[in-house]
Amino acid sequence: MTFMLQMLAETPVYVWVLLVYLVWQGARSMVQSTQPVWRLLLVPAVFAVTGLALTAERSDIVVPVIAAWGASMLALLPVGIVRGPRLIAVDRRTGVVTRASSVVPLARNLMIFSLQYGMAVAAAVEAGSQTSLALATYVVSGASIGYFTGWTITLWRRYLHT
């Protein structure tokens, strides 16, 4: 219990702000909404930045770790393409889209946040260089970037063709 309290207390405030934002965005996705297309790109951008930041902090970059990052990215790219946003209507003149309601964004946001948070905590606790920890961090980063790259491709294709 002491470890948990210490971990929560030492987590920077911006991490909790990010979590609140991701929950808020996920909860909003559970209701059909109309918004500018650029707003749909904020969550993918957040996860891309945090994923890259987590990996950039590591100093134990070796070929197998980079290969794992690339493999996990390529593995989840098709998942992102399949699970891309469902657009009901598109107004390209104003840059506004209407997307269908779904619980998936909330679940996805919480899952990826939890994985990245867990990797950051593990890296802070295990200050020494460990290849298995580096591997896991890179896999999570590559997977989230792959997923959101595929998701963004689908958003773009549906935006252009709906």
Protein backbone atom coordinates (compact mmCIF):
# COMPACT_ATOMS: atom_id res chain seq x y z
CA MET A 1 0.00 0.00 0.00
CA THR A 2 2.85 2.36 0.78
CA PHE A 3 4.32 1.83 -2.68
CA MET A 4 0.98 2.65 -4.32
CA LEU A 5 0.57 5.85 -2.33
CA GLN A 6 4.14 6.91 -3.06
CA MET A 7 3.70 6.13 -6.75
CA LEU A 8 0.48 8.16 -6.94
CA ALA A 9 1.96 11.04 -4.95
CA GLU A 10 5.08 11.25 -7.11
CA THR A 11 3.18 11.18 -10.39
CA PRO A 12 3.43 14.63 -11.99
CA VAL A 13 0.22 16.69 -12.05
CA TYR A 14 0.23 16.85 -15.86
CA VAL A 15 -0.24 13.05 -15.95
CA TRP A 16 -3.48 13.36 -13.97
CA VAL A 17 -4.61 16.24 -16.18
CA LEU A 18 -3.90 14.06 -19.21
CA LEU A 19 -5.90 11.19 -17.71
CA VAL A 20 -8.87 13.47 -17.03
CA TYR A 21 -8.70 14.75 -20.61
CA LEU A 22 -8.56 11.23 -22.06
CA VAL A 23 -11.50 10.07 -19.93
CA TRP A 24 -13.45 13.18 -20.91
CA GLN A 25 -12.75 12.61 -24.62
CA GLY A 26 -13.63 8.92 -24.29
CA ALA A 27 -16.87 9.71 -22.47
CA ARG A 28 -17.80 12.26 -25.15
CA SER A 29 -17.33 9.53 -27.76
CA MET A 30 -20.16 7.56 -26.20
CA VAL A 31 -22.58 10.12 -27.66
CA GLN A 32 -22.90 10.95 -31.35
CA SER A 33 -21.25 14.33 -31.92
CA THR A 34 -20.36 16.84 -34.59
CA GLN A 35 -16.98 18.54 -34.38
CA PRO A 36 -14.09 19.86 -36.46
CA VAL A 37 -12.04 17.02 -37.94
CA TRP A 38 -8.85 18.38 -36.34
CA ARG A 39 -10.32 17.73 -32.87
CA LEU A 40 -10.49 14.02 -33.67
CA LEU A 41 -6.72 14.10 -34.11
CA LEU A 42 -5.94 15.40 -30.60
CA VAL A 43 -6.06 12.03 -28.80
CA PRO A 44 -3.87 10.28 -31.41
CA ALA A 45 -1.41 13.18 -31.13
CA VAL A 46 -1.36 12.89 -27.32
CA PHE A 47 -0.59 9.17 -27.47
CA ALA A 48 2.03 9.62 -30.18
CA VAL A 49 3.83 12.28 -28.14
CA THR A 50 3.66 10.34 -24.87
CA GLY A 51 4.72 7.11 -26.56
CA LEU A 52 7.69 8.77 -28.21
CA ALA A 53 8.59 10.61 -25.00
CA LEU A 54 8.64 7.37 -23.02
CA THR A 55 10.94 5.74 -25.51
CA ALA A 56 13.16 8.79 -25.93
CA GLU A 57 13.83 8.82 -22.17
CA ARG A 58 15.42 5.38 -22.39
CA SER A 59 19.12 5.05 -23.01
CA ASP A 60 19.15 1.31 -23.73
CA ILE A 61 18.27 1.41 -27.42
CA VAL A 62 19.49 -1.77 -29.10
CA VAL A 63 18.56 -3.41 -32.39
CA PRO A 64 16.15 -6.02 -30.90
CA VAL A 65 14.28 -3.25 -29.07
CA ILE A 66 13.97 -1.16 -32.22
CA ALA A 67 12.82 -4.25 -34.12
CA ALA A 68 10.18 -4.91 -31.45
CA TRP A 69 8.98 -1.29 -31.74
CA GLY A 70 8.65 -1.60 -35.51
CA ALA A 71 7.00 -5.01 -35.34
CA SER A 72 4.42 -3.87 -32.77
CA MET A 73 3.75 -0.74 -34.82
CA LEU A 74 3.16 -2.80 -37.97
CA ALA A 75 1.07 -5.34 -36.04
CA LEU A 76 -1.40 -2.74 -34.76
CA LEU A 77 -1.54 -0.58 -37.88
CA PRO A 78 -4.23 -2.83 -39.47
CA VAL A 79 -6.21 -2.86 -36.21
CA GLY A 80 -6.28 0.94 -36.28
CA ILE A 81 -7.40 0.87 -39.90
CA VAL A 82 -10.26 -1.52 -39.09
CA ARG A 83 -11.23 0.28 -35.86
CA GLY A 84 -11.00 3.79 -37.33
CA PRO A 85 -13.76 6.27 -36.53
CA ARG A 86 -17.21 5.71 -37.98
CA LEU A 87 -18.25 8.95 -39.64
CA ILE A 88 -21.95 9.50 -40.25
CA ALA A 89 -21.60 12.79 -42.09
CA VAL A 90 -18.78 14.96 -43.44
CA ASP A 91 -18.85 18.62 -44.41
CA ARG A 92 -15.53 19.20 -46.14
CA ARG A 93 -16.41 22.84 -46.81
CA THR A 94 -16.40 23.61 -43.08
CA GLY A 95 -14.11 20.75 -41.98
CA VAL A 96 -16.75 19.30 -39.66
CA VAL A 97 -17.62 15.63 -39.18
CA THR A 98 -20.34 13.77 -37.32
CA ARG A 99 -19.16 10.54 -35.76
CA ALA A 100 -21.17 7.65 -34.43
CA SER A 101 -21.26 6.98 -30.72
CA SER A 102 -18.99 4.26 -29.36
CA VAL A 103 -17.58 3.07 -26.04
CA VAL A 104 -14.39 1.90 -27.79
CA PRO A 105 -12.51 5.23 -27.53
CA LEU A 106 -12.98 5.35 -23.74
CA ALA A 107 -11.82 1.75 -23.29
CA ARG A 108 -8.93 2.29 -25.71
CA ASN A 109 -7.83 5.53 -24.03
CA LEU A 110 -7.83 3.93 -20.58
CA MET A 111 -6.00 0.82 -21.77
CA ILE A 112 -3.22 2.69 -23.58
CA PHE A 113 -2.86 5.25 -20.78
CA SER A 114 -2.59 2.44 -18.22
CA LEU A 115 0.05 0.61 -20.25
CA GLN A 116 2.13 3.75 -20.80
CA TYR A 117 1.75 4.80 -17.16
CA GLY A 118 2.79 1.33 -16.03
CA MET A 119 5.87 1.44 -18.25
CA ALA A 120 6.81 4.87 -16.88
CA VAL A 121 6.41 3.67 -13.28
CA ALA A 122 8.43 0.52 -13.99
CA ALA A 123 11.18 2.61 -15.57
CA ALA A 124 11.25 4.95 -12.55
CA VAL A 125 11.37 2.06 -10.07
CA GLU A 126 13.94 0.09 -12.05
CA ALA A 127 16.45 2.87 -12.69
CA GLY A 128 19.02 0.43 -14.09
CA SER A 129 18.99 -0.49 -17.74
CA GLN A 130 16.96 -3.64 -18.34
CA THR A 131 16.45 -4.97 -21.82
CA SER A 132 13.10 -6.61 -21.00
CA LEU A 133 11.72 -3.36 -19.59
CA ALA A 134 13.03 -1.45 -22.60
CA LEU A 135 11.46 -4.03 -24.87
CA ALA A 136 8.07 -3.70 -23.17
CA THR A 137 8.24 0.11 -23.28
CA TYR A 138 9.04 0.08 -26.98
CA VAL A 139 6.34 -2.49 -27.75
CA VAL A 140 3.69 -0.36 -26.02
CA SER A 141 4.93 2.78 -27.78
CA GLY A 142 5.12 1.13 -31.20
CA ALA A 143 1.72 -0.51 -30.79
CA SER A 144 -0.02 2.74 -29.83
CA ILE A 145 1.65 4.67 -32.65
CA GLY A 146 0.77 1.90 -35.11
CA TYR A 147 -2.84 1.79 -33.96
CA PHE A 148 -3.30 5.55 -34.18
CA THR A 149 -1.52 5.76 -37.53
CA GLY A 150 -4.00 3.24 -38.92
CA TRP A 151 -6.87 5.04 -37.17
CA THR A 152 -5.78 8.35 -38.72
CA ILE A 153 -5.49 6.78 -42.18
CA THR A 154 -9.08 5.56 -41.87
CA LEU A 155 -10.25 8.96 -40.60
CA TRP A 156 -8.60 10.65 -43.58
CA ARG A 157 -10.00 8.16 -46.10
CA ARG A 158 -13.52 8.42 -44.67
CA TYR A 159 -13.26 12.19 -44.51
CA LEU A 160 -12.34 12.34 -48.20
CA HIS A 161 -14.88 9.76 -49.40
CA THR A 162 -17.96 10.15 -47.18
